[in-house]
Amino acid sequence: MLRFRLRYGLDYKVNDSTLMGFRLATGNNSNQTSTNQTFGLSSDKKAIWIDKAFMTLTPIKDYLSIDMGKIDNPYFCTDMTWDSDINPEGVFCPLDDPGGRQAQVLCHGRFMPIGQQLNRNNP
């Protein structure tokens, strides 16, 4: 079995306090932790997904930054916790203290519609 992985991204520094970027990657919708694709015996097309699309604002340099969009994983990653290949969507605001302490404020929202069939005759 032959596998491949392709990632292509771009980061653009708009000004001293704004960074924007995106990354496209191979993968599939059933496995969010892998961007691997498997070569098969058929001529199937391979999927390319939006892996990251983000903006980082740094209104107070070396103290406050705001990451928003589909961002790099801001969580502490180990084999027992979060996978580093997961790129969550939301807003992440790390606060850094020049004295060496660090506090992290994470705002992460999600809307998940659930399929439901309504019967107008039955309230």
PDB file of N, CA and C in Angstrom:
ATOM      1  N   MET A   1       0.843  -1.166   0.000  1.00  0.00           N
ATOM      2  CA  MET A   1       0.000   0.000   0.000  1.00  0.00           C
ATOM      3  C   MET A   1       0.898   1.242   0.000  1.00  0.00           C
ATOM      4  N   LEU A   2       0.695   2.095  -0.972  1.00  0.00           N
ATOM      5  CA  LEU A   2       1.443   3.341  -1.063  1.00  0.00           C
ATOM      6  C   LEU A   2       0.580   4.496  -0.586  1.00  0.00           C
ATOM      7  N   ARG A   3       1.185   5.380   0.199  1.00  0.00           N
ATOM      8  CA  ARG A   3       0.464   6.541   0.732  1.00  0.00           C
ATOM      9  C   ARG A   3       1.244   7.805   0.420  1.00  0.00           C
ATOM     10  N   PHE A   4       0.524   8.904   0.364  1.00  0.00           N
ATOM     11  CA  PHE A   4       1.187  10.190   0.176  1.00  0.00           C
ATOM     12  C   PHE A   4       0.455  11.257   0.985  1.00  0.00           C
ATOM     13  N   ARG A   5       1.141  12.362   1.189  1.00  0.00           N
ATOM     14  CA  ARG A   5       0.598  13.496   1.920  1.00  0.00           C
ATOM     15  C   ARG A   5       1.061  14.765   1.216  1.00  0.00           C
ATOM     16  N   LEU A   6       0.132  15.680   1.013  1.00  0.00           N
ATOM     17  CA  LEU A   6       0.454  16.953   0.384  1.00  0.00           C
ATOM     18  C   LEU A   6      -0.131  18.077   1.223  1.00  0.00           C
ATOM     19  N   ARG A   7       0.690  19.058   1.533  1.00  0.00           N
ATOM     20  CA  ARG A   7       0.239  20.261   2.232  1.00  0.00           C
ATOM     21  C   ARG A   7       0.827  21.468   1.511  1.00  0.00           C
ATOM     22  N   TYR A   8      -0.019  22.476   1.310  1.00  0.00           N
ATOM     23  CA  TYR A   8       0.445  23.716   0.703  1.00  0.00           C
ATOM     24  C   TYR A   8      -0.191  24.871   1.458  1.00  0.00           C
ATOM     25  N   GLY A   9       0.630  25.761   1.966  1.00  0.00           N
ATOM     26  CA  GLY A   9       0.097  26.870   2.744  1.00  0.00           C
ATOM     27  C   GLY A   9       0.840  28.160   2.498  1.00  0.00           C
ATOM     28  N   LEU A  10       0.223  29.215   2.960  1.00  0.00           N
ATOM     29  CA  LEU A  10       0.787  30.551   2.787  1.00  0.00           C
ATOM     30  C   LEU A  10       0.427  31.383   4.005  1.00  0.00           C
ATOM     31  N   ASP A  11       1.421  32.044   4.585  1.00  0.00           N
ATOM     32  CA  ASP A  11       1.209  33.025   5.645  1.00  0.00           C
ATOM     33  C   ASP A  11       1.571  34.388   5.080  1.00  0.00           C
ATOM     34  N   TYR A  12       0.718  35.388   5.343  1.00  0.00           N
ATOM     35  CA  TYR A  12       0.944  36.734   4.815  1.00  0.00           C
ATOM     36  C   TYR A  12       0.880  37.733   5.956  1.00  0.00           C
ATOM     37  N   LYS A  13       1.968  38.467   6.144  1.00  0.00           N
ATOM     38  CA  LYS A  13       2.020  39.484   7.179  1.00  0.00           C
ATOM     39  C   LYS A  13       1.432  40.770   6.600  1.00  0.00           C
ATOM     40  N   VAL A  14       0.227  41.121   7.024  1.00  0.00           N
ATOM     41  CA  VAL A  14      -0.466  42.309   6.522  1.00  0.00           C
ATOM     42  C   VAL A  14       0.208  43.569   7.036  1.00  0.00           C
ATOM     43  N   ASN A  15       0.469  43.604   8.339  1.00  0.00           N
ATOM     44  CA  ASN A  15       1.217  44.694   8.964  1.00  0.00           C
ATOM     45  C   ASN A  15       1.867  44.146  10.232  1.00  0.00           C
ATOM     46  N   ASP A  16       2.397  45.008  11.076  1.00  0.00           N
ATOM     47  CA  ASP A  16       3.117  44.540  12.265  1.00  0.00           C
ATOM     48  C   ASP A  16       2.225  43.813  13.271  1.00  0.00           C
ATOM     49  N   SER A  17       0.906  44.017  13.184  1.00  0.00           N
ATOM     50  CA  SER A  17       0.031  43.387  14.174  1.00  0.00           C
ATOM     51  C   SER A  17      -0.985  42.415  13.572  1.00  0.00           C
ATOM     52  N   THR A  18      -0.884  42.133  12.266  1.00  0.00           N
ATOM     53  CA  THR A  18      -1.864  41.242  11.628  1.00  0.00           C
ATOM     54  C   THR A  18      -1.170  40.231  10.726  1.00  0.00           C
ATOM     55  N   LEU A  19      -1.504  38.960  10.933  1.00  0.00           N
ATOM     56  CA  LEU A  19      -1.011  37.866  10.105  1.00  0.00           C
ATOM     57  C   LEU A  19      -2.213  37.074   9.616  1.00  0.00           C
ATOM     58  N   MET A  20      -2.246  36.757   8.329  1.00  0.00           N
ATOM     59  CA  MET A  20      -3.318  35.948   7.755  1.00  0.00           C
ATOM     60  C   MET A  20      -2.685  34.750   7.063  1.00  0.00           C
ATOM     61  N   GLY A  21      -3.427  33.654   6.986  1.00  0.00           N
ATOM     62  CA  GLY A  21      -2.868  32.494   6.307  1.00  0.00           C
ATOM     63  C   GLY A  21      -3.901  31.435   6.013  1.00  0.00           C
ATOM     64  N   PHE A  22      -3.477  30.493   5.206  1.00  0.00           N
ATOM     65  CA  PHE A  22      -4.310  29.339   4.882  1.00  0.00           C
ATOM     66  C   PHE A  22      -3.395  28.168   4.568  1.00  0.00           C
ATOM     67  N   ARG A  23      -3.967  26.969   4.616  1.00  0.00           N
ATOM     68  CA  ARG A  23      -3.233  25.778   4.203  1.00  0.00           C
ATOM     69  C   ARG A  23      -4.225  24.777   3.632  1.00  0.00           C
ATOM     70  N   LEU A  24      -3.896  24.225   2.485  1.00  0.00           N
ATOM     71  CA  LEU A  24      -4.657  23.145   1.873  1.00  0.00           C
ATOM     72  C   LEU A  24      -3.913  21.849   2.137  1.00  0.00           C
ATOM     73  N   ALA A  25      -4.646  20.766   2.286  1.00  0.00           N
ATOM     74  CA  ALA A  25      -4.006  19.479   2.558  1.00  0.00           C
ATOM     75  C   ALA A  25      -4.850  18.350   1.996  1.00  0.00           C
ATOM     76  N   THR A  26      -4.181  17.257   1.664  1.00  0.00           N
ATOM     77  CA  THR A  26      -4.891  16.049   1.279  1.00  0.00           C
ATOM     78  C   THR A  26      -5.533  15.454   2.522  1.00  0.00           C
ATOM     79  N   GLY A  27      -6.364  14.484   2.354  1.00  0.00           N
ATOM     80  CA  GLY A  27      -7.004  13.827   3.483  1.00  0.00           C
ATOM     81  C   GLY A  27      -8.395  13.387   3.105  1.00  0.00           C
ATOM     82  N   ASN A  28      -9.168  13.036   4.118  1.00  0.00           N
ATOM     83  CA  ASN A  28     -10.562  12.681   3.886  1.00  0.00           C
ATOM     84  C   ASN A  28     -11.386  13.090   5.084  1.00  0.00           C
ATOM     85  N   ASN A  29     -12.671  13.150   4.891  1.00  0.00           N
ATOM     86  CA  ASN A  29     -13.574  13.659   5.921  1.00  0.00           C
ATOM     87  C   ASN A  29     -13.769  12.679   7.067  1.00  0.00           C
ATOM     88  N   SER A  30     -13.465  11.409   6.874  1.00  0.00           N
ATOM     89  CA  SER A  30     -13.702  10.423   7.925  1.00  0.00           C
ATOM     90  C   SER A  30     -12.557  10.339   8.936  1.00  0.00           C
ATOM     91  N   ASN A  31     -11.403  10.936   8.649  1.00  0.00           N
ATOM     92  CA  ASN A  31     -10.280  10.902   9.580  1.00  0.00           C
ATOM     93  C   ASN A  31      -9.668  12.290   9.669  1.00  0.00           C
ATOM     94  N   GLN A  32     -10.046  13.041  10.697  1.00  0.00           N
ATOM     95  CA  GLN A  32      -9.579  14.417  10.837  1.00  0.00           C
ATOM     96  C   GLN A  32      -8.150  14.522  11.356  1.00  0.00           C
ATOM     97  N   THR A  33      -7.571  13.428  11.800  1.00  0.00           N
ATOM     98  CA  THR A  33      -6.219  13.489  12.343  1.00  0.00           C
ATOM     99  C   THR A  33      -5.152  13.093  11.333  1.00  0.00           C
ATOM    100  N   SER A  34      -5.524  12.811  10.100  1.00  0.00           N
ATOM    101  CA  SER A  34      -4.542  12.392   9.111  1.00  0.00           C
ATOM    102  C   SER A  34      -4.780  13.111   7.791  1.00  0.00           C
ATOM    103  N   THR A  35      -3.693  13.552   7.181  1.00  0.00           N
ATOM    104  CA  THR A  35      -3.777  14.137   5.842  1.00  0.00           C
ATOM    105  C   THR A  35      -3.215  13.167   4.811  1.00  0.00           C
ATOM    106  N   ASN A  36      -3.115  11.895   5.179  1.00  0.00           N
ATOM    107  CA  ASN A  36      -2.606  10.881   4.255  1.00  0.00           C
ATOM    108  C   ASN A  36      -3.680  10.469   3.252  1.00  0.00           C
ATOM    109  N   GLN A  37      -3.249  10.159   2.046  1.00  0.00           N
ATOM    110  CA  GLN A  37      -4.089   9.577   1.005  1.00  0.00           C
ATOM    111  C   GLN A  37      -3.439   8.262   0.586  1.00  0.00           C
ATOM    112  N   THR A  38      -4.254   7.312   0.203  1.00  0.00           N
ATOM    113  CA  THR A  38      -3.756   6.014  -0.220  1.00  0.00           C
ATOM    114  C   THR A  38      -3.939   5.866  -1.719  1.00  0.00           C
ATOM    115  N   PHE A  39      -2.841   5.484  -2.403  1.00  0.00           N
ATOM    116  CA  PHE A  39      -2.953   5.162  -3.819  1.00  0.00           C
ATOM    117  C   PHE A  39      -3.729   3.857  -3.953  1.00  0.00           C
ATOM    118  N   GLY A  40      -4.648   3.813  -4.893  1.00  0.00           N
ATOM    119  CA  GLY A  40      -5.438   2.610  -5.109  1.00  0.00           C
ATOM    120  C   GLY A  40      -5.219   2.075  -6.509  1.00  0.00           C
ATOM    121  N   LEU A  41      -5.985   1.076  -6.870  1.00  0.00           N
ATOM    122  CA  LEU A  41      -5.880   0.470  -8.191  1.00  0.00           C
ATOM    123  C   LEU A  41      -6.772   1.163  -9.217  1.00  0.00           C
ATOM    124  N   SER A  42      -7.644   2.047  -8.741  1.00  0.00           N
ATOM    125  CA  SER A  42      -8.546   2.737  -9.663  1.00  0.00           C
ATOM    126  C   SER A  42      -8.008   4.133  -9.976  1.00  0.00           C
ATOM    127  N   SER A  43      -8.755   4.869 -10.716  1.00  0.00           N
ATOM    128  CA  SER A  43      -8.354   6.232 -11.094  1.00  0.00           C
ATOM    129  C   SER A  43      -9.136   7.267 -10.295  1.00  0.00           C
ATOM    130  N   ASP A  44      -9.406   6.970  -9.044  1.00  0.00           N
ATOM    131  CA  ASP A  44     -10.171   7.893  -8.201  1.00  0.00           C
ATOM    132  C   ASP A  44      -9.440   9.217  -8.029  1.00  0.00           C
ATOM    133  N   LYS A  45     -10.222  10.279  -7.962  1.00  0.00           N
ATOM    134  CA  LYS A  45      -9.668  11.593  -7.652  1.00  0.00           C
ATOM    135  C   LYS A  45      -9.412  11.653  -6.152  1.00  0.00           C
ATOM    136  N   LYS A  46      -8.422  12.374  -5.757  1.00  0.00           N
ATOM    137  CA  LYS A  46      -8.071  12.510  -4.350  1.00  0.00           C
ATOM    138  C   LYS A  46      -8.548  13.863  -3.840  1.00  0.00           C
ATOM    139  N   ALA A  47      -9.040  13.889  -2.622  1.00  0.00           N
ATOM    140  CA  ALA A  47      -9.617  15.101  -2.044  1.00  0.00           C
ATOM    141  C   ALA A  47      -8.540  16.027  -1.498  1.00  0.00           C
ATOM    142  N   ILE A  48      -8.797  17.312  -1.625  1.00  0.00           N
ATOM    143  CA  ILE A  48      -7.982  18.350  -0.997  1.00  0.00           C
ATOM    144  C   ILE A  48      -8.924  19.185  -0.137  1.00  0.00           C
ATOM    145  N   TRP A  49      -8.524  19.415   1.109  1.00  0.00           N
ATOM    146  CA  TRP A  49      -9.358  20.099   2.085  1.00  0.00           C
ATOM    147  C   TRP A  49      -8.716  21.393   2.540  1.00  0.00           C
ATOM    148  N   ILE A  50      -9.534  22.279   3.075  1.00  0.00           N
ATOM    149  CA  ILE A  50      -8.995  23.480   3.739  1.00  0.00           C
ATOM    150  C   ILE A  50      -8.555  23.026   5.125  1.00  0.00           C
ATOM    151  N   ASP A  51      -7.263  23.009   5.342  1.00  0.00           N
ATOM    152  CA  ASP A  51      -6.696  22.538   6.599  1.00  0.00           C
ATOM    153  C   ASP A  51      -6.610  23.670   7.619  1.00  0.00           C
ATOM    154  N   LYS A  52      -6.300  24.870   7.154  1.00  0.00           N
ATOM    155  CA  LYS A  52      -6.246  26.058   8.016  1.00  0.00           C
ATOM    156  C   LYS A  52      -6.697  27.276   7.214  1.00  0.00           C
ATOM    157  N   ALA A  53      -7.376  28.192   7.861  1.00  0.00           N
ATOM    158  CA  ALA A  53      -7.716  29.508   7.312  1.00  0.00           C
ATOM    159  C   ALA A  53      -7.862  30.408   8.524  1.00  0.00           C
ATOM    160  N   PHE A  54      -6.908  31.290   8.745  1.00  0.00           N
ATOM    161  CA  PHE A  54      -6.842  31.986  10.028  1.00  0.00           C
ATOM    162  C   PHE A  54      -6.394  33.432   9.884  1.00  0.00           C
ATOM    163  N   MET A  55      -6.615  34.178  10.969  1.00  0.00           N
ATOM    164  CA  MET A  55      -6.077  35.523  11.120  1.00  0.00           C
ATOM    165  C   MET A  55      -5.569  35.641  12.552  1.00  0.00           C
ATOM    166  N   THR A  56      -4.396  36.205  12.717  1.00  0.00           N
ATOM    167  CA  THR A  56      -3.839  36.450  14.037  1.00  0.00           C
ATOM    168  C   THR A  56      -3.651  37.950  14.204  1.00  0.00           C
ATOM    169  N   LEU A  57      -4.274  38.500  15.244  1.00  0.00           N
ATOM    170  CA  LEU A  57      -4.119  39.907  15.575  1.00  0.00           C
ATOM    171  C   LEU A  57      -3.270  40.011  16.828  1.00  0.00           C
ATOM    172  N   THR A  58      -2.327  40.934  16.832  1.00  0.00           N
ATOM    173  CA  THR A  58      -1.470  41.164  17.992  1.00  0.00           C
ATOM    174  C   THR A  58      -1.581  42.630  18.379  1.00  0.00           C
ATOM    175  N   PRO A  59      -2.663  43.004  19.085  1.00  0.00           N
ATOM    176  CA  PRO A  59      -2.837  44.416  19.414  1.00  0.00           C
ATOM    177  C   PRO A  59      -1.825  44.935  20.429  1.00  0.00           C
ATOM    178  N   ILE A  60      -1.364  44.065  21.324  1.00  0.00           N
ATOM    179  CA  ILE A  60      -0.357  44.452  22.315  1.00  0.00           C
ATOM    180  C   ILE A  60       0.794  43.470  22.175  1.00  0.00           C
ATOM    181  N   LYS A  61       1.855  43.903  21.494  1.00  0.00           N
ATOM    182  CA  LYS A  61       2.979  42.999  21.177  1.00  0.00           C
ATOM    183  C   LYS A  61       3.572  42.405  22.447  1.00  0.00           C
ATOM    184  N   ASP A  62       3.901  41.129  22.391  1.00  0.00           N
ATOM    185  CA  ASP A  62       4.498  40.357  23.485  1.00  0.00           C
ATOM    186  C   ASP A  62       3.572  40.207  24.686  1.00  0.00           C
ATOM    187  N   TYR A  63       2.282  40.554  24.543  1.00  0.00           N
ATOM    188  CA  TYR A  63       1.365  40.398  25.664  1.00  0.00           C
ATOM    189  C   TYR A  63       0.055  39.721  25.262  1.00  0.00           C
ATOM    190  N   LEU A  64      -0.580  40.214  24.194  1.00  0.00           N
ATOM    191  CA  LEU A  64      -1.889  39.698  23.807  1.00  0.00           C
ATOM    192  C   LEU A  64      -1.902  39.394  22.321  1.00  0.00           C
ATOM    193  N   SER A  65      -2.394  38.224  21.974  1.00  0.00           N
ATOM    194  CA  SER A  65      -2.641  37.902  20.562  1.00  0.00           C
ATOM    195  C   SER A  65      -4.006  37.220  20.481  1.00  0.00           C
ATOM    196  N   ILE A  66      -4.648  37.360  19.330  1.00  0.00           N
ATOM    197  CA  ILE A  66      -5.971  36.775  19.106  1.00  0.00           C
ATOM    198  C   ILE A  66      -5.890  35.966  17.820  1.00  0.00           C
ATOM    199  N   ASP A  67      -6.048  34.658  17.929  1.00  0.00           N
ATOM    200  CA  ASP A  67      -6.057  33.770  16.766  1.00  0.00           C
ATOM    201  C   ASP A  67      -7.508  33.401  16.484  1.00  0.00           C
ATOM    202  N   MET A  68      -7.939  33.537  15.230  1.00  0.00           N
ATOM    203  CA  MET A  68      -9.322  33.202  14.900  1.00  0.00           C
ATOM    204  C   MET A  68      -9.403  32.509  13.557  1.00  0.00           C
ATOM    205  N   GLY A  69     -10.408  31.654  13.407  1.00  0.00           N
ATOM    206  CA  GLY A  69     -10.605  30.889  12.187  1.00  0.00           C
ATOM    207  C   GLY A  69     -10.332  29.419  12.433  1.00  0.00           C
ATOM    208  N   LYS A  70      -9.867  28.734  11.427  1.00  0.00           N
ATOM    209  CA  LYS A  70      -9.429  27.332  11.540  1.00  0.00           C
ATOM    210  C   LYS A  70      -7.932  27.409  11.788  1.00  0.00           C
ATOM    211  N   ILE A  71      -7.527  27.216  13.030  1.00  0.00           N
ATOM    212  CA  ILE A  71      -6.182  27.553  13.487  1.00  0.00           C
ATOM    213  C   ILE A  71      -5.376  26.298  13.842  1.00  0.00           C
ATOM    214  N   ASP A  72      -4.056  26.502  14.014  1.00  0.00           N
ATOM    215  CA  ASP A  72      -3.221  25.431  14.549  1.00  0.00           C
ATOM    216  C   ASP A  72      -3.760  25.037  15.918  1.00  0.00           C
ATOM    217  N   ASN A  73      -3.542  23.811  16.298  1.00  0.00           N
ATOM    218  CA  ASN A  73      -4.046  23.302  17.561  1.00  0.00           C
ATOM    219  C   ASN A  73      -3.419  24.070  18.727  1.00  0.00           C
ATOM    220  N   PRO A  74      -4.226  24.822  19.496  1.00  0.00           N
ATOM    221  CA  PRO A  74      -3.671  25.585  20.609  1.00  0.00           C
ATOM    222  C   PRO A  74      -3.563  24.779  21.895  1.00  0.00           C
ATOM    223  N   TYR A  75      -4.101  23.564  21.901  1.00  0.00           N
ATOM    224  CA  TYR A  75      -4.131  22.745  23.106  1.00  0.00           C
ATOM    225  C   TYR A  75      -2.799  22.052  23.333  1.00  0.00           C
ATOM    226  N   PHE A  76      -2.588  21.626  24.561  1.00  0.00           N
ATOM    227  CA  PHE A  76      -1.425  20.827  24.915  1.00  0.00           C
ATOM    228  C   PHE A  76      -1.590  19.444  24.291  1.00  0.00           C
ATOM    229  N   CYS A  77      -0.659  19.041  23.443  1.00  0.00           N
ATOM    230  CA  CYS A  77      -0.808  17.798  22.668  1.00  0.00           C
ATOM    231  C   CYS A  77       0.162  16.724  23.152  1.00  0.00           C
ATOM    232  N   THR A  78      -0.388  15.549  23.450  1.00  0.00           N
ATOM    233  CA  THR A  78       0.408  14.358  23.743  1.00  0.00           C
ATOM    234  C   THR A  78      -0.316  13.178  23.096  1.00  0.00           C
ATOM    235  N   ASP A  79       0.255  11.986  23.210  1.00  0.00           N
ATOM    236  CA  ASP A  79      -0.409  10.794  22.700  1.00  0.00           C
ATOM    237  C   ASP A  79      -1.690  10.484  23.476  1.00  0.00           C
ATOM    238  N   MET A  80      -1.793  10.994  24.705  1.00  0.00           N
ATOM    239  CA  MET A  80      -2.956  10.711  25.549  1.00  0.00           C
ATOM    240  C   MET A  80      -4.034  11.792  25.467  1.00  0.00           C
ATOM    241  N   THR A  81      -3.701  12.961  24.909  1.00  0.00           N
ATOM    242  CA  THR A  81      -4.686  14.048  24.868  1.00  0.00           C
ATOM    243  C   THR A  81      -5.003  14.408  23.418  1.00  0.00           C
ATOM    244  N   TRP A  82      -4.814  15.640  23.045  1.00  0.00           N
ATOM    245  CA  TRP A  82      -5.146  16.117  21.702  1.00  0.00           C
ATOM    246  C   TRP A  82      -4.101  15.717  20.683  1.00  0.00           C
ATOM    247  N   ASP A  83      -4.535  15.386  19.483  1.00  0.00           N
ATOM    248  CA  ASP A  83      -3.639  15.105  18.364  1.00  0.00           C
ATOM    249  C   ASP A  83      -3.206  16.435  17.760  1.00  0.00           C
ATOM    250  N   SER A  84      -1.930  16.576  17.460  1.00  0.00           N
ATOM    251  CA  SER A  84      -1.424  17.843  16.923  1.00  0.00           C
ATOM    252  C   SER A  84      -1.905  18.121  15.503  1.00  0.00           C
ATOM    253  N   ASP A  85      -2.459  17.110  14.813  1.00  0.00           N
ATOM    254  CA  ASP A  85      -2.986  17.332  13.463  1.00  0.00           C
ATOM    255  C   ASP A  85      -4.413  17.880  13.456  1.00  0.00           C
ATOM    256  N   ILE A  86      -5.070  17.944  14.610  1.00  0.00           N
ATOM    257  CA  ILE A  86      -6.413  18.530  14.688  1.00  0.00           C
ATOM    258  C   ILE A  86      -6.266  20.045  14.639  1.00  0.00           C
ATOM    259  N   ASN A  87      -7.000  20.703  13.749  1.00  0.00           N
ATOM    260  CA  ASN A  87      -6.995  22.155  13.645  1.00  0.00           C
ATOM    261  C   ASN A  87      -8.399  22.659  13.956  1.00  0.00           C
ATOM    262  N   PRO A  88      -8.645  23.060  15.210  1.00  0.00           N
ATOM    263  CA  PRO A  88     -10.000  23.463  15.594  1.00  0.00           C
ATOM    264  C   PRO A  88     -10.377  24.817  14.992  1.00  0.00           C
ATOM    265  N   GLU A  89     -11.674  25.085  15.005  1.00  0.00           N
ATOM    266  CA  GLU A  89     -12.189  26.365  14.540  1.00  0.00           C
ATOM    267  C   GLU A  89     -12.695  27.134  15.751  1.00  0.00           C
ATOM    268  N   GLY A  90     -12.398  28.424  15.784  1.00  0.00           N
ATOM    269  CA  GLY A  90     -12.855  29.245  16.896  1.00  0.00           C
ATOM    270  C   GLY A  90     -11.931  30.425  17.093  1.00  0.00           C
ATOM    271  N   VAL A  91     -11.901  30.908  18.345  1.00  0.00           N
ATOM    272  CA  VAL A  91     -11.064  32.049  18.721  1.00  0.00           C
ATOM    273  C   VAL A  91     -10.218  31.622  19.906  1.00  0.00           C
ATOM    274  N   PHE A  92      -8.924  31.931  19.867  1.00  0.00           N
ATOM    275  CA  PHE A  92      -7.985  31.570  20.923  1.00  0.00           C
ATOM    276  C   PHE A  92      -7.193  32.819  21.286  1.00  0.00           C
ATOM    277  N   CYS A  93      -7.160  33.171  22.574  1.00  0.00           N
ATOM    278  CA  CYS A  93      -6.506  34.402  23.020  1.00  0.00           C
ATOM    279  C   CYS A  93      -5.502  34.106  24.121  1.00  0.00           C
ATOM    280  N   PRO A  94      -4.240  33.825  23.787  1.00  0.00           N
ATOM    281  CA  PRO A  94      -3.248  33.648  24.849  1.00  0.00           C
ATOM    282  C   PRO A  94      -2.774  35.005  25.369  1.00  0.00           C
ATOM    283  N   LEU A  95      -2.688  35.122  26.686  1.00  0.00           N
ATOM    284  CA  LEU A  95      -2.165  36.317  27.329  1.00  0.00           C
ATOM    285  C   LEU A  95      -0.798  35.964  27.908  1.00  0.00           C
ATOM    286  N   ASP A  96       0.230  36.646  27.477  1.00  0.00           N
ATOM    287  CA  ASP A  96       1.577  36.383  27.972  1.00  0.00           C
ATOM    288  C   ASP A  96       1.990  37.506  28.912  1.00  0.00           C
ATOM    289  N   ASP A  97       2.534  37.131  30.049  1.00  0.00           N
ATOM    290  CA  ASP A  97       3.037  38.099  31.009  1.00  0.00           C
ATOM    291  C   ASP A  97       4.541  38.219  30.792  1.00  0.00           C
ATOM    292  N   PRO A  98       5.055  39.422  30.573  1.00  0.00           N
ATOM    293  CA  PRO A  98       6.510  39.553  30.397  1.00  0.00           C
ATOM    294  C   PRO A  98       7.312  39.005  31.570  1.00  0.00           C
ATOM    295  N   GLY A  99       6.664  38.809  32.734  1.00  0.00           N
ATOM    296  CA  GLY A  99       7.342  38.249  33.894  1.00  0.00           C
ATOM    297  C   GLY A  99       7.502  36.744  33.835  1.00  0.00           C
ATOM    298  N   GLY A 100       6.999  36.110  32.773  1.00  0.00           N
ATOM    299  CA  GLY A 100       7.196  34.676  32.614  1.00  0.00           C
ATOM    300  C   GLY A 100       5.962  33.834  32.838  1.00  0.00           C
ATOM    301  N   ARG A 101       4.924  34.396  33.453  1.00  0.00           N
ATOM    302  CA  ARG A 101       3.694  33.634  33.653  1.00  0.00           C
ATOM    303  C   ARG A 101       2.871  33.702  32.371  1.00  0.00           C
ATOM    304  N   GLN A 102       1.989  32.745  32.180  1.00  0.00           N
ATOM    305  CA  GLN A 102       1.148  32.727  30.990  1.00  0.00           C
ATOM    306  C   GLN A 102      -0.249  32.270  31.368  1.00  0.00           C
ATOM    307  N   ALA A 103      -1.234  32.990  30.852  1.00  0.00           N
ATOM    308  CA  ALA A 103      -2.638  32.599  31.022  1.00  0.00           C
ATOM    309  C   ALA A 103      -3.233  32.455  29.638  1.00  0.00           C
ATOM    310  N   GLN A 104      -4.100  31.495  29.457  1.00  0.00           N
ATOM    311  CA  GLN A 104      -4.716  31.288  28.149  1.00  0.00           C
ATOM    312  C   GLN A 104      -6.227  31.339  28.286  1.00  0.00           C
ATOM    313  N   VAL A 105      -6.814  32.157  27.447  1.00  0.00           N
ATOM    314  CA  VAL A 105      -8.261  32.267  27.405  1.00  0.00           C
ATOM    315  C   VAL A 105      -8.698  31.672  26.076  1.00  0.00           C
ATOM    316  N   LEU A 106      -9.587  30.700  26.120  1.00  0.00           N
ATOM    317  CA  LEU A 106     -10.012  30.019  24.900  1.00  0.00           C
ATOM    318  C   LEU A 106     -11.521  30.154  24.749  1.00  0.00           C
ATOM    319  N   CYS A 107     -11.933  30.704  23.620  1.00  0.00           N
ATOM    320  CA  CYS A 107     -13.353  30.783  23.288  1.00  0.00           C
ATOM    321  C   CYS A 107     -13.551  29.876  22.082  1.00  0.00           C
ATOM    322  N   HIS A 108     -14.305  28.834  22.278  1.00  0.00           N
ATOM    323  CA  HIS A 108     -14.459  27.846  21.214  1.00  0.00           C
ATOM    324  C   HIS A 108     -15.941  27.531  21.092  1.00  0.00           C
ATOM    325  N   GLY A 109     -16.528  27.939  19.997  1.00  0.00           N
ATOM    326  CA  GLY A 109     -17.950  27.694  19.812  1.00  0.00           C
ATOM    327  C   GLY A 109     -18.185  26.797  18.616  1.00  0.00           C
ATOM    328  N   ARG A 110     -19.291  26.092  18.644  1.00  0.00           N
ATOM    329  CA  ARG A 110     -19.590  25.171  17.562  1.00  0.00           C
ATOM    330  C   ARG A 110     -21.105  25.063  17.396  1.00  0.00           C
ATOM    331  N   PHE A 111     -21.541  25.022  16.176  1.00  0.00           N
ATOM    332  CA  PHE A 111     -22.950  24.810  15.864  1.00  0.00           C
ATOM    333  C   PHE A 111     -23.058  23.479  15.154  1.00  0.00           C
ATOM    334  N   MET A 112     -23.825  22.565  15.731  1.00  0.00           N
ATOM    335  CA  MET A 112     -23.939  21.231  15.157  1.00  0.00           C
ATOM    336  C   MET A 112     -25.409  20.916  14.920  1.00  0.00           C
ATOM    337  N   PRO A 113     -25.888  21.074  13.698  1.00  0.00           N
ATOM    338  CA  PRO A 113     -27.291  20.730  13.446  1.00  0.00           C
ATOM    339  C   PRO A 113     -27.502  19.223  13.525  1.00  0.00           C
ATOM    340  N   ILE A 114     -28.643  18.859  14.034  1.00  0.00           N
ATOM    341  CA  ILE A 114     -29.000  17.446  14.155  1.00  0.00           C
ATOM    342  C   ILE A 114     -30.166  17.185  13.217  1.00  0.00           C
ATOM    343  N   GLY A 115     -30.051  16.176  12.391  1.00  0.00           N
ATOM    344  CA  GLY A 115     -31.119  15.851  11.455  1.00  0.00           C
ATOM    345  C   GLY A 115     -32.370  15.397  12.185  1.00  0.00           C
ATOM    346  N   GLN A 116     -33.481  16.030  11.854  1.00  0.00           N
ATOM    347  CA  GLN A 116     -34.742  15.675  12.493  1.00  0.00           C
ATOM    348  C   GLN A 116     -35.856  15.859  11.478  1.00  0.00           C
ATOM    349  N   GLN A 117     -36.737  14.910  11.413  1.00  0.00           N
ATOM    350  CA  GLN A 117     -37.861  14.997  10.497  1.00  0.00           C
ATOM    351  C   GLN A 117     -39.096  15.407  11.294  1.00  0.00           C
ATOM    352  N   LEU A 118     -39.708  16.522  10.883  1.00  0.00           N
ATOM    353  CA  LEU A 118     -40.872  17.037  11.585  1.00  0.00           C
ATOM    354  C   LEU A 118     -42.148  16.522  10.948  1.00  0.00           C
ATOM    355  N   ASN A 119     -43.124  16.189  11.776  1.00  0.00           N
ATOM    356  CA  ASN A 119     -44.431  15.779  11.312  1.00  0.00           C
ATOM    357  C   ASN A 119     -45.413  16.885  11.682  1.00  0.00           C
ATOM    358  N   ARG A 120     -45.928  17.593  10.698  1.00  0.00           N
ATOM    359  CA  ARG A 120     -46.805  18.737  10.967  1.00  0.00           C
ATOM    360  C   ARG A 120     -48.127  18.305  11.597  1.00  0.00           C
ATOM    361  N   ASN A 121     -48.541  17.049  11.441  1.00  0.00           N
ATOM    362  CA  ASN A 121     -49.798  16.581  12.020  1.00  0.00           C
ATOM    363  C   ASN A 121     -49.661  16.204  13.498  1.00  0.00           C
ATOM    364  N   ASN A 122     -48.439  16.058  13.947  1.00  0.00           N
ATOM    365  CA  ASN A 122     -48.198  15.647  15.323  1.00  0.00           C
ATOM    366  C   ASN A 122     -47.381  16.747  16.021  1.00  0.00           C
ATOM    367  N   PRO A 123     -48.019  17.600  16.852  1.00  0.00           N
ATOM    368  CA  PRO A 123     -47.285  18.733  17.467  1.00  0.00           C
ATOM    369  C   PRO A 123     -46.267  18.304  18.475  1.00  0.00           C
TER     370      PRO A 123
END
